[in-house]
PDB file of all heavy atoms in Angstrom:
ATOM      1  N   LEU A   1      65.648 -17.569 -79.664  1.00  0.00           N
ATOM      2  CA  LEU A   1      65.995 -18.857 -80.289  1.00  0.00           C
ATOM      3  C   LEU A   1      65.305 -18.960 -81.727  1.00  0.00           C
ATOM      4  O   LEU A   1      65.705 -19.608 -82.644  1.00  0.00           O
ATOM      5  CB  LEU A   1      65.577 -20.094 -79.522  1.00  0.00           C
ATOM      6  CG  LEU A   1      66.411 -20.391 -78.319  1.00  0.00           C
ATOM      7  CD1 LEU A   1      65.909 -21.464 -77.410  1.00  0.00           C
ATOM      8  CD2 LEU A   1      67.856 -20.790 -78.732  1.00  0.00           C
ATOM      9  N   THR A   2      64.100 -18.249 -81.775  1.00  0.00           N
ATOM     10  CA  THR A   2      63.371 -18.316 -83.059  1.00  0.00           C
ATOM     11  C   THR A   2      64.110 -17.508 -84.216  1.00  0.00           C
ATOM     12  O   THR A   2      63.744 -17.730 -85.389  1.00  0.00           O
ATOM     13  CB  THR A   2      61.971 -17.696 -82.985  1.00  0.00           C
ATOM     14  OG1 THR A   2      62.107 -16.273 -82.604  1.00  0.00           O
ATOM     15  CG2 THR A   2      61.153 -18.298 -81.791  1.00  0.00           C
ATOM     16  N   ARG A   3      65.138 -16.721 -83.815  1.00  0.00           N
ATOM     17  CA  ARG A   3      65.899 -16.086 -84.850  1.00  0.00           C
ATOM     18  C   ARG A   3      67.142 -16.913 -85.341  1.00  0.00           C
ATOM     19  O   ARG A   3      68.024 -16.243 -85.985  1.00  0.00           O
ATOM     20  CB  ARG A   3      66.310 -14.715 -84.240  1.00  0.00           C
ATOM     21  CG  ARG A   3      65.188 -13.697 -84.109  1.00  0.00           C
ATOM     22  CD  ARG A   3      64.720 -12.986 -85.445  1.00  0.00           C
ATOM     23  NE  ARG A   3      65.914 -12.246 -85.906  1.00  0.00           N
ATOM     24  CZ  ARG A   3      66.143 -10.915 -85.551  1.00  0.00           C
ATOM     25  NH1 ARG A   3      65.255 -10.362 -84.726  1.00  0.00           N
ATOM     26  NH2 ARG A   3      67.154 -10.281 -86.015  1.00  0.00           N
ATOM     27  N   SER A   4      67.158 -18.120 -84.884  1.00  0.00           N
ATOM     28  CA  SER A   4      68.381 -18.916 -85.301  1.00  0.00           C
ATOM     29  C   SER A   4      67.821 -20.389 -85.517  1.00  0.00           C
ATOM     30  O   SER A   4      66.558 -20.574 -85.607  1.00  0.00           O
ATOM     31  CB  SER A   4      69.360 -18.959 -84.128  1.00  0.00           C
ATOM     32  OG  SER A   4      68.796 -19.455 -82.870  1.00  0.00           O
ATOM     33  N   LYS A   5      68.741 -21.314 -85.661  1.00  0.00           N
ATOM     34  CA  LYS A   5      68.341 -22.737 -85.845  1.00  0.00           C
ATOM     35  C   LYS A   5      69.004 -23.538 -84.646  1.00  0.00           C
ATOM     36  O   LYS A   5      70.105 -24.127 -84.807  1.00  0.00           O
ATOM     37  CB  LYS A   5      69.001 -23.163 -87.169  1.00  0.00           C
ATOM     38  CG  LYS A   5      68.375 -22.544 -88.420  1.00  0.00           C
ATOM     39  CD  LYS A   5      68.941 -23.130 -89.676  1.00  0.00           C
ATOM     40  CE  LYS A   5      68.294 -22.457 -90.938  1.00  0.00           C
ATOM     41  NZ  LYS A   5      68.778 -23.032 -92.226  1.00  0.00           N
ATOM     42  N   PRO A   6      68.148 -23.568 -83.567  1.00  0.00           N
ATOM     43  CA  PRO A   6      68.732 -24.206 -82.370  1.00  0.00           C
ATOM     44  C   PRO A   6      68.734 -25.681 -82.506  1.00  0.00           C
ATOM     45  O   PRO A   6      67.929 -26.342 -83.256  1.00  0.00           O
ATOM     46  CB  PRO A   6      67.678 -23.764 -81.266  1.00  0.00           C
ATOM     47  CG  PRO A   6      66.482 -23.518 -81.990  1.00  0.00           C
ATOM     48  CD  PRO A   6      66.919 -22.960 -83.367  1.00  0.00           C
ATOM     49  N   THR A   7      69.656 -26.412 -81.811  1.00  0.00           N
ATOM     50  CA  THR A   7      69.614 -27.774 -81.715  1.00  0.00           C
ATOM     51  C   THR A   7      68.657 -28.202 -80.752  1.00  0.00           C
ATOM     52  O   THR A   7      68.124 -27.428 -79.853  1.00  0.00           O
ATOM     53  CB  THR A   7      71.035 -28.280 -81.270  1.00  0.00           C
ATOM     54  OG1 THR A   7      71.395 -27.813 -80.069  1.00  0.00           O
ATOM     55  CG2 THR A   7      72.068 -27.768 -82.378  1.00  0.00           C
ATOM     56  N   GLN A   8      68.302 -29.527 -80.706  1.00  0.00           N
ATOM     57  CA  GLN A   8      67.456 -30.105 -79.734  1.00  0.00           C
ATOM     58  C   GLN A   8      68.009 -29.972 -78.504  1.00  0.00           C
ATOM     59  O   GLN A   8      67.379 -29.784 -77.369  1.00  0.00           O
ATOM     60  CB  GLN A   8      67.079 -31.609 -79.986  1.00  0.00           C
ATOM     61  CG  GLN A   8      65.971 -32.108 -79.126  1.00  0.00           C
ATOM     62  CD  GLN A   8      65.397 -33.366 -79.675  1.00  0.00           C
ATOM     63  OE1 GLN A   8      66.177 -34.295 -80.063  1.00  0.00           O
ATOM     64  NE2 GLN A   8      64.168 -33.536 -79.636  1.00  0.00           N
ATOM     65  N   LYS A   9      69.377 -30.112 -78.374  1.00  0.00           N
ATOM     66  CA  LYS A   9      70.083 -29.788 -77.016  1.00  0.00           C
ATOM     67  C   LYS A   9      69.819 -28.404 -76.406  1.00  0.00           C
ATOM     68  O   LYS A   9      69.601 -28.308 -75.213  1.00  0.00           O
ATOM     69  CB  LYS A   9      71.554 -30.128 -77.042  1.00  0.00           C
ATOM     70  CG  LYS A   9      72.367 -30.008 -75.793  1.00  0.00           C
ATOM     71  CD  LYS A   9      73.862 -30.298 -76.130  1.00  0.00           C
ATOM     72  CE  LYS A   9      74.693 -30.084 -74.814  1.00  0.00           C
ATOM     73  NZ  LYS A   9      76.070 -30.341 -75.005  1.00  0.00           N
ATOM     74  N   GLN A  10      69.798 -27.502 -77.311  1.00  0.00           N
ATOM     75  CA  GLN A  10      69.652 -25.980 -76.809  1.00  0.00           C
ATOM     76  C   GLN A  10      68.193 -25.845 -76.420  1.00  0.00           C
ATOM     77  O   GLN A  10      67.908 -25.060 -75.394  1.00  0.00           O
ATOM     78  CB  GLN A  10      70.062 -25.101 -77.941  1.00  0.00           C
ATOM     79  CG  GLN A  10      71.453 -24.952 -78.247  1.00  0.00           C
ATOM     80  CD  GLN A  10      71.832 -24.188 -79.459  1.00  0.00           C
ATOM     81  OE1 GLN A  10      71.051 -24.039 -80.401  1.00  0.00           O
ATOM     82  NE2 GLN A  10      72.845 -23.345 -79.380  1.00  0.00           N
ATOM     83  N   ILE A  11      67.254 -26.517 -77.045  1.00  0.00           N
ATOM     84  CA  ILE A  11      65.872 -26.387 -76.742  1.00  0.00           C
ATOM     85  C   ILE A  11      65.627 -27.195 -75.322  1.00  0.00           C
ATOM     86  O   ILE A  11      64.887 -26.673 -74.507  1.00  0.00           O
ATOM     87  CB  ILE A  11      64.952 -27.094 -77.850  1.00  0.00           C
ATOM     88  CG1 ILE A  11      65.150 -26.170 -79.065  1.00  0.00           C
ATOM     89  CG2 ILE A  11      63.534 -26.987 -77.332  1.00  0.00           C
ATOM     90  CD1 ILE A  11      64.394 -26.791 -80.207  1.00  0.00           C
ATOM     91  N   ALA A  12      66.196 -28.244 -75.169  1.00  0.00           N
ATOM     92  CA  ALA A  12      66.171 -28.975 -73.967  1.00  0.00           C
ATOM     93  C   ALA A  12      66.735 -28.191 -72.744  1.00  0.00           C
ATOM     94  O   ALA A  12      66.205 -28.239 -71.633  1.00  0.00           O
ATOM     95  CB  ALA A  12      66.784 -30.389 -74.041  1.00  0.00           C
ATOM     96  N   GLU A  13      67.808 -27.419 -73.054  1.00  0.00           N
ATOM     97  CA  GLU A  13      68.399 -26.608 -72.074  1.00  0.00           C
ATOM     98  C   GLU A  13      67.440 -25.522 -71.635  1.00  0.00           C
ATOM     99  O   GLU A  13      67.332 -25.197 -70.526  1.00  0.00           O
ATOM    100  CB  GLU A  13      69.786 -25.980 -72.595  1.00  0.00           C
ATOM    101  CG  GLU A  13      70.389 -24.996 -71.691  1.00  0.00           C
ATOM    102  CD  GLU A  13      71.486 -24.189 -72.263  1.00  0.00           C
ATOM    103  OE1 GLU A  13      71.401 -23.926 -73.483  1.00  0.00           O
ATOM    104  OE2 GLU A  13      72.547 -24.012 -71.570  1.00  0.00           O
ATOM    105  N   LEU A  14      66.764 -24.892 -72.646  1.00  0.00           N
ATOM    106  CA  LEU A  14      65.821 -23.869 -72.335  1.00  0.00           C
ATOM    107  C   LEU A  14      64.701 -24.469 -71.436  1.00  0.00           C
ATOM    108  O   LEU A  14      64.375 -23.878 -70.482  1.00  0.00           O
ATOM    109  CB  LEU A  14      65.178 -23.365 -73.567  1.00  0.00           C
ATOM    110  CG  LEU A  14      63.952 -22.442 -73.414  1.00  0.00           C
ATOM    111  CD1 LEU A  14      64.307 -21.158 -72.645  1.00  0.00           C
ATOM    112  CD2 LEU A  14      63.228 -22.071 -74.710  1.00  0.00           C
ATOM    113  N   ALA A  15      64.242 -25.648 -71.706  1.00  0.00           N
ATOM    114  CA  ALA A  15      63.260 -26.267 -70.889  1.00  0.00           C
ATOM    115  C   ALA A  15      63.754 -26.537 -69.470  1.00  0.00           C
ATOM    116  O   ALA A  15      63.030 -26.213 -68.555  1.00  0.00           O
ATOM    117  CB  ALA A  15      62.754 -27.647 -71.528  1.00  0.00           C
ATOM    118  N   ALA A  16      64.877 -27.009 -69.285  1.00  0.00           N
ATOM    119  CA  ALA A  16      65.490 -27.231 -68.070  1.00  0.00           C
ATOM    120  C   ALA A  16      65.692 -25.996 -67.171  1.00  0.00           C
ATOM    121  O   ALA A  16      65.615 -26.044 -65.921  1.00  0.00           O
ATOM    122  CB  ALA A  16      66.814 -28.016 -68.086  1.00  0.00           C
ATOM    123  N   LEU A  17      65.913 -24.889 -67.814  1.00  0.00           N
ATOM    124  CA  LEU A  17      66.241 -23.650 -67.190  1.00  0.00           C
ATOM    125  C   LEU A  17      65.074 -22.792 -66.853  1.00  0.00           C
ATOM    126  O   LEU A  17      65.076 -21.873 -66.208  1.00  0.00           O
ATOM    127  CB  LEU A  17      67.247 -22.807 -67.972  1.00  0.00           C
ATOM    128  CG  LEU A  17      68.597 -23.396 -68.119  1.00  0.00           C
ATOM    129  CD1 LEU A  17      69.522 -22.590 -68.995  1.00  0.00           C
ATOM    130  CD2 LEU A  17      69.382 -23.476 -66.812  1.00  0.00           C
ATOM    131  N   SER A  18      63.926 -23.206 -67.427  1.00  0.00           N
ATOM    132  CA  SER A  18      62.675 -22.491 -67.250  1.00  0.00           C
ATOM    133  C   SER A  18      61.990 -22.856 -65.940  1.00  0.00           C
ATOM    134  O   SER A  18      62.143 -24.060 -65.427  1.00  0.00           O
ATOM    135  CB  SER A  18      61.548 -22.815 -68.385  1.00  0.00           C
ATOM    136  OG  SER A  18      62.103 -22.456 -69.707  1.00  0.00           O
ATOM    137  N   PRO A  19      61.332 -21.915 -65.313  1.00  0.00           N
ATOM    138  CA  PRO A  19      60.543 -22.303 -64.047  1.00  0.00           C
ATOM    139  C   PRO A  19      59.524 -23.418 -64.380  1.00  0.00           C
ATOM    140  O   PRO A  19      58.891 -23.435 -65.416  1.00  0.00           O
ATOM    141  CB  PRO A  19      59.806 -21.076 -63.705  1.00  0.00           C
ATOM    142  CG  PRO A  19      60.543 -19.916 -64.425  1.00  0.00           C
ATOM    143  CD  PRO A  19      61.008 -20.539 -65.652  1.00  0.00           C
ATOM    144  N   VAL A  20      59.519 -24.304 -63.519  1.00  0.00           N
ATOM    145  CA  VAL A  20      58.492 -25.500 -63.700  1.00  0.00           C
ATOM    146  C   VAL A  20      57.156 -25.139 -64.033  1.00  0.00           C
ATOM    147  O   VAL A  20      56.485 -25.611 -64.972  1.00  0.00           O
ATOM    148  CB  VAL A  20      58.585 -26.410 -62.432  1.00  0.00           C
ATOM    149  CG1 VAL A  20      57.605 -27.540 -62.557  1.00  0.00           C
ATOM    150  CG2 VAL A  20      59.955 -26.914 -62.148  1.00  0.00           C
ATOM    151  N   GLU A  21      56.638 -24.119 -63.231  1.00  0.00           N
ATOM    152  CA  GLU A  21      55.233 -23.644 -63.463  1.00  0.00           C
ATOM    153  C   GLU A  21      54.974 -22.921 -64.848  1.00  0.00           C
ATOM    154  O   GLU A  21      53.849 -22.764 -65.367  1.00  0.00           O
ATOM    155  CB  GLU A  21      54.799 -22.796 -62.326  1.00  0.00           C
ATOM    156  CG  GLU A  21      55.519 -21.480 -62.349  1.00  0.00           C
ATOM    157  CD  GLU A  21      56.786 -21.593 -61.484  1.00  0.00           C
ATOM    158  OE1 GLU A  21      57.237 -22.685 -61.208  1.00  0.00           O
ATOM    159  OE2 GLU A  21      57.316 -20.448 -61.135  1.00  0.00           O
ATOM    160  N   ALA A  22      56.082 -22.594 -65.464  1.00  0.00           N
ATOM    161  CA  ALA A  22      55.940 -21.849 -66.734  1.00  0.00           C
ATOM    162  C   ALA A  22      56.525 -22.531 -67.845  1.00  0.00           C
ATOM    163  O   ALA A  22      56.403 -22.159 -69.068  1.00  0.00           O
ATOM    164  CB  ALA A  22      56.622 -20.517 -66.633  1.00  0.00           C
ATOM    165  N   ARG A  23      57.088 -23.803 -67.765  1.00  0.00           N
ATOM    166  CA  ARG A  23      57.753 -24.510 -68.745  1.00  0.00           C
ATOM    167  C   ARG A  23      56.880 -24.894 -69.877  1.00  0.00           C
ATOM    168  O   ARG A  23      57.315 -24.605 -71.089  1.00  0.00           O
ATOM    169  CB  ARG A  23      58.396 -25.763 -68.081  1.00  0.00           C
ATOM    170  CG  ARG A  23      59.395 -26.561 -69.111  1.00  0.00           C
ATOM    171  CD  ARG A  23      60.027 -27.551 -68.238  1.00  0.00           C
ATOM    172  NE  ARG A  23      60.892 -27.038 -67.175  1.00  0.00           N
ATOM    173  CZ  ARG A  23      61.222 -27.838 -66.077  1.00  0.00           C
ATOM    174  NH1 ARG A  23      60.811 -28.953 -65.929  1.00  0.00           N
ATOM    175  NH2 ARG A  23      62.054 -27.185 -65.199  1.00  0.00           N
ATOM    176  N   ILE A  24      55.849 -25.357 -69.706  1.00  0.00           N
ATOM    177  CA  ILE A  24      54.884 -25.822 -70.841  1.00  0.00           C
ATOM    178  C   ILE A  24      54.555 -24.543 -71.601  1.00  0.00           C
ATOM    179  O   ILE A  24      54.489 -24.671 -72.910  1.00  0.00           O
ATOM    180  CB  ILE A  24      53.743 -26.503 -70.220  1.00  0.00           C
ATOM    181  CG1 ILE A  24      54.082 -27.826 -69.642  1.00  0.00           C
ATOM    182  CG2 ILE A  24      52.711 -26.747 -71.375  1.00  0.00           C
ATOM    183  CD1 ILE A  24      52.973 -28.632 -69.029  1.00  0.00           C
ATOM    184  N   ASP A  25      54.130 -23.501 -70.954  1.00  0.00           N
ATOM    185  CA  ASP A  25      53.790 -22.289 -71.680  1.00  0.00           C
ATOM    186  C   ASP A  25      54.870 -21.793 -72.548  1.00  0.00           C
ATOM    187  O   ASP A  25      54.659 -21.300 -73.661  1.00  0.00           O
ATOM    188  CB  ASP A  25      53.336 -21.211 -70.711  1.00  0.00           C
ATOM    189  CG  ASP A  25      51.951 -21.479 -70.000  1.00  0.00           C
ATOM    190  OD1 ASP A  25      51.185 -22.347 -70.605  1.00  0.00           O
ATOM    191  OD2 ASP A  25      51.619 -20.882 -69.068  1.00  0.00           O
ATOM    192  N   ILE A  26      56.209 -21.810 -72.038  1.00  0.00           N
ATOM    193  CA  ILE A  26      57.246 -21.306 -72.801  1.00  0.00           C
ATOM    194  C   ILE A  26      57.594 -22.111 -74.046  1.00  0.00           C
ATOM    195  O   ILE A  26      57.793 -21.627 -75.067  1.00  0.00           O
ATOM    196  CB  ILE A  26      58.507 -21.205 -71.829  1.00  0.00           C
ATOM    197  CG1 ILE A  26      58.295 -20.003 -70.866  1.00  0.00           C
ATOM    198  CG2 ILE A  26      59.777 -20.962 -72.706  1.00  0.00           C
ATOM    199  CD1 ILE A  26      59.365 -19.946 -69.694  1.00  0.00           C
ATOM    200  N   LEU A  27      57.553 -23.425 -73.800  1.00  0.00           N
ATOM    201  CA  LEU A  27      57.802 -24.360 -74.974  1.00  0.00           C
ATOM    202  C   LEU A  27      56.700 -24.324 -75.954  1.00  0.00           C
ATOM    203  O   LEU A  27      56.941 -24.344 -77.212  1.00  0.00           O
ATOM    204  CB  LEU A  27      57.961 -25.688 -74.455  1.00  0.00           C
ATOM    205  CG  LEU A  27      59.203 -26.000 -73.550  1.00  0.00           C
ATOM    206  CD1 LEU A  27      59.248 -27.377 -73.085  1.00  0.00           C
ATOM    207  CD2 LEU A  27      60.430 -25.775 -74.411  1.00  0.00           C
ATOM    208  N   THR A  28      55.422 -24.150 -75.505  1.00  0.00           N
ATOM    209  CA  THR A  28      54.287 -24.026 -76.453  1.00  0.00           C
ATOM    210  C   THR A  28      54.421 -22.710 -77.309  1.00  0.00           C
ATOM    211  O   THR A  28      54.164 -22.668 -78.426  1.00  0.00           O
ATOM    212  CB  THR A  28      52.966 -24.020 -75.664  1.00  0.00           C
ATOM    213  OG1 THR A  28      52.931 -25.197 -74.922  1.00  0.00           O
ATOM    214  CG2 THR A  28      51.794 -23.752 -76.586  1.00  0.00           C
ATOM    215  N   TYR A  29      54.846 -21.629 -76.603  1.00  0.00           N
ATOM    216  CA  TYR A  29      55.140 -20.378 -77.343  1.00  0.00           C
ATOM    217  C   TYR A  29      56.249 -20.601 -78.366  1.00  0.00           C
ATOM    218  O   TYR A  29      56.124 -20.093 -79.426  1.00  0.00           O
ATOM    219  CB  TYR A  29      55.456 -19.288 -76.233  1.00  0.00           C
ATOM    220  CG  TYR A  29      56.219 -18.101 -76.889  1.00  0.00           C
ATOM    221  CD1 TYR A  29      55.466 -17.190 -77.561  1.00  0.00           C
ATOM    222  CD2 TYR A  29      57.572 -17.973 -76.819  1.00  0.00           C
ATOM    223  CE1 TYR A  29      56.044 -16.068 -78.191  1.00  0.00           C
ATOM    224  CE2 TYR A  29      58.155 -16.919 -77.375  1.00  0.00           C
ATOM    225  CZ  TYR A  29      57.483 -15.937 -77.976  1.00  0.00           C
ATOM    226  OH  TYR A  29      58.045 -14.815 -78.532  1.00  0.00           O
ATOM    227  N   LEU A  30      57.328 -21.211 -77.898  1.00  0.00           N
ATOM    228  CA  LEU A  30      58.443 -21.450 -78.861  1.00  0.00           C
ATOM    229  C   LEU A  30      58.003 -22.275 -80.101  1.00  0.00           C
ATOM    230  O   LEU A  30      58.350 -21.816 -81.178  1.00  0.00           O
ATOM    231  CB  LEU A  30      59.539 -22.193 -78.105  1.00  0.00           C
ATOM    232  CG  LEU A  30      60.820 -22.537 -78.935  1.00  0.00           C
ATOM    233  CD1 LEU A  30      61.423 -21.231 -79.401  1.00  0.00           C
ATOM    234  CD2 LEU A  30      61.822 -23.270 -78.058  1.00  0.00           C
ATOM    235  N   ALA A  31      57.278 -23.312 -79.806  1.00  0.00           N
ATOM    236  CA  ALA A  31      56.875 -24.180 -81.037  1.00  0.00           C
ATOM    237  C   ALA A  31      55.825 -23.319 -81.907  1.00  0.00           C
ATOM    238  O   ALA A  31      55.999 -23.473 -83.150  1.00  0.00           O
ATOM    239  CB  ALA A  31      56.156 -25.404 -80.355  1.00  0.00           C
ATOM    240  N   GLY A  32      54.970 -22.555 -81.294  1.00  0.00           N
ATOM    241  CA  GLY A  32      54.058 -21.777 -81.983  1.00  0.00           C
ATOM    242  C   GLY A  32      54.726 -20.693 -82.851  1.00  0.00           C
ATOM    243  O   GLY A  32      54.367 -20.492 -84.029  1.00  0.00           O
ATOM    244  N   GLU A  33      55.822 -20.196 -82.337  1.00  0.00           N
ATOM    245  CA  GLU A  33      56.543 -19.186 -83.102  1.00  0.00           C
ATOM    246  C   GLU A  33      57.241 -19.800 -84.197  1.00  0.00           C
ATOM    247  O   GLU A  33      57.330 -19.173 -85.327  1.00  0.00           O
ATOM    248  CB  GLU A  33      57.578 -18.353 -82.103  1.00  0.00           C
ATOM    249  CG  GLU A  33      56.892 -17.329 -81.264  1.00  0.00           C
ATOM    250  CD  GLU A  33      56.310 -16.295 -82.152  1.00  0.00           C
ATOM    251  OE1 GLU A  33      57.062 -15.454 -82.715  1.00  0.00           O
ATOM    252  OE2 GLU A  33      55.095 -16.132 -82.193  1.00  0.00           O
ATOM    253  N   PHE A  34      57.803 -20.921 -83.960  1.00  0.00           N
ATOM    254  CA  PHE A  34      58.609 -21.684 -85.107  1.00  0.00           C
ATOM    255  C   PHE A  34      57.490 -21.957 -86.253  1.00  0.00           C
ATOM    256  O   PHE A  34      57.804 -21.865 -87.476  1.00  0.00           O
ATOM    257  CB  PHE A  34      59.254 -22.906 -84.617  1.00  0.00           C
ATOM    258  CG  PHE A  34      60.595 -22.658 -83.952  1.00  0.00           C
ATOM    259  CD1 PHE A  34      60.821 -23.368 -82.860  1.00  0.00           C
ATOM    260  CD2 PHE A  34      61.456 -21.875 -84.523  1.00  0.00           C
ATOM    261  CE1 PHE A  34      62.116 -23.235 -82.192  1.00  0.00           C
ATOM    262  CE2 PHE A  34      62.660 -21.675 -83.946  1.00  0.00           C
ATOM    263  CZ  PHE A  34      63.072 -22.294 -82.737  1.00  0.00           C
ATOM    264  N   ASP A  35      56.409 -22.395 -85.817  1.00  0.00           N
ATOM    265  CA  ASP A  35      55.275 -22.768 -86.809  1.00  0.00           C
ATOM    266  C   ASP A  35      54.862 -21.477 -87.573  1.00  0.00           C
ATOM    267  O   ASP A  35      54.789 -21.490 -88.840  1.00  0.00           O
ATOM    268  CB  ASP A  35      54.028 -23.305 -86.144  1.00  0.00           C
ATOM    269  CG  ASP A  35      54.070 -24.819 -86.004  1.00  0.00           C
ATOM    270  OD1 ASP A  35      54.741 -25.482 -86.774  1.00  0.00           O
ATOM    271  OD2 ASP A  35      53.526 -25.314 -85.028  1.00  0.00           O
ATOM    272  N   ARG A  36      54.743 -20.431 -86.911  1.00  0.00           N
ATOM    273  CA  ARG A  36      54.370 -19.111 -87.509  1.00  0.00           C
ATOM    274  C   ARG A  36      55.401 -18.700 -88.583  1.00  0.00           C
ATOM    275  O   ARG A  36      55.051 -18.082 -89.519  1.00  0.00           O
ATOM    276  CB  ARG A  36      54.132 -18.105 -86.434  1.00  0.00           C
ATOM    277  CG  ARG A  36      53.559 -16.695 -86.970  1.00  0.00           C
ATOM    278  CD  ARG A  36      53.453 -15.753 -85.829  1.00  0.00           C
ATOM    279  NE  ARG A  36      54.584 -15.319 -85.214  1.00  0.00           N
ATOM    280  CZ  ARG A  36      55.487 -14.385 -85.737  1.00  0.00           C
ATOM    281  NH1 ARG A  36      55.107 -13.865 -86.851  1.00  0.00           N
ATOM    282  NH2 ARG A  36      56.634 -14.072 -85.135  1.00  0.00           N
ATOM    283  N   LEU A  37      56.620 -18.919 -88.180  1.00  0.00           N
ATOM    284  CA  LEU A  37      57.757 -18.460 -89.126  1.00  0.00           C
ATOM    285  C   LEU A  37      58.160 -19.516 -90.195  1.00  0.00           C
ATOM    286  O   LEU A  37      58.998 -19.306 -90.943  1.00  0.00           O
ATOM    287  CB  LEU A  37      58.993 -18.133 -88.316  1.00  0.00           C
ATOM    288  CG  LEU A  37      58.877 -17.065 -87.204  1.00  0.00           C
ATOM    289  CD1 LEU A  37      60.029 -17.022 -86.201  1.00  0.00           C
ATOM    290  CD2 LEU A  37      58.855 -15.690 -88.041  1.00  0.00           C
ATOM    291  N   GLY A  38      57.257 -20.608 -90.224  1.00  0.00           N
ATOM    292  CA  GLY A  38      57.499 -21.581 -91.236  1.00  0.00           C
ATOM    293  C   GLY A  38      58.718 -22.455 -90.958  1.00  0.00           C
ATOM    294  O   GLY A  38      59.223 -23.175 -91.801  1.00  0.00           O
ATOM    295  N   LYS A  39      59.164 -22.559 -89.642  1.00  0.00           N
ATOM    296  CA  LYS A  39      60.262 -23.339 -89.345  1.00  0.00           C
ATOM    297  C   LYS A  39      59.783 -24.643 -88.664  1.00  0.00           C
ATOM    298  O   LYS A  39      59.736 -24.936 -87.583  1.00  0.00           O
ATOM    299  CB  LYS A  39      61.151 -22.590 -88.347  1.00  0.00           C
ATOM    300  CG  LYS A  39      61.858 -21.442 -88.937  1.00  0.00           C
ATOM    301  CD  LYS A  39      62.731 -20.726 -87.904  1.00  0.00           C
ATOM    302  CE  LYS A  39      63.569 -19.627 -88.589  1.00  0.00           C
ATOM    303  NZ  LYS A  39      64.581 -18.946 -87.634  1.00  0.00           N
ATOM    304  N   LYS A  40      59.234 -25.484 -89.693  1.00  0.00           N
ATOM    305  CA  LYS A  40      58.571 -26.765 -89.117  1.00  0.00           C
ATOM    306  C   LYS A  40      59.428 -27.755 -88.451  1.00  0.00           C
ATOM    307  O   LYS A  40      59.172 -28.409 -87.427  1.00  0.00           O
ATOM    308  CB  LYS A  40      57.910 -27.451 -90.293  1.00  0.00           C
ATOM    309  CG  LYS A  40      56.904 -26.561 -91.118  1.00  0.00           C
ATOM    310  CD  LYS A  40      55.815 -26.082 -90.183  1.00  0.00           C
ATOM    311  CE  LYS A  40      54.734 -25.153 -91.024  1.00  0.00           C
ATOM    312  NZ  LYS A  40      53.731 -24.724 -90.125  1.00  0.00           N
ATOM    313  N   LYS A  41      60.683 -27.881 -88.980  1.00  0.00           N
ATOM    314  CA  LYS A  41      61.756 -28.727 -88.357  1.00  0.00           C
ATOM    315  C   LYS A  41      61.969 -28.360 -86.889  1.00  0.00           C
ATOM    316  O   LYS A  41      62.072 -29.217 -86.024  1.00  0.00           O
ATOM    317  CB  LYS A  41      63.061 -28.688 -89.216  1.00  0.00           C
ATOM    318  CG  LYS A  41      64.135 -29.640 -88.663  1.00  0.00           C
ATOM    319  CD  LYS A  41      65.389 -29.554 -89.469  1.00  0.00           C
ATOM    320  CE  LYS A  41      66.448 -30.447 -89.032  1.00  0.00           C
ATOM    321  NZ  LYS A  41      67.745 -30.329 -89.809  1.00  0.00           N
TER     322      LYS A  41
END
């Protein structure tokens, strides 16, 4: 997803499809990668 411009719906889908115990880590990783790539939006 970091190689594209996902919608909030697509990001919410990722959250819903992630294992509960790993969901926060996956979303934190995603946000961090967007920040690192300068994709603040």
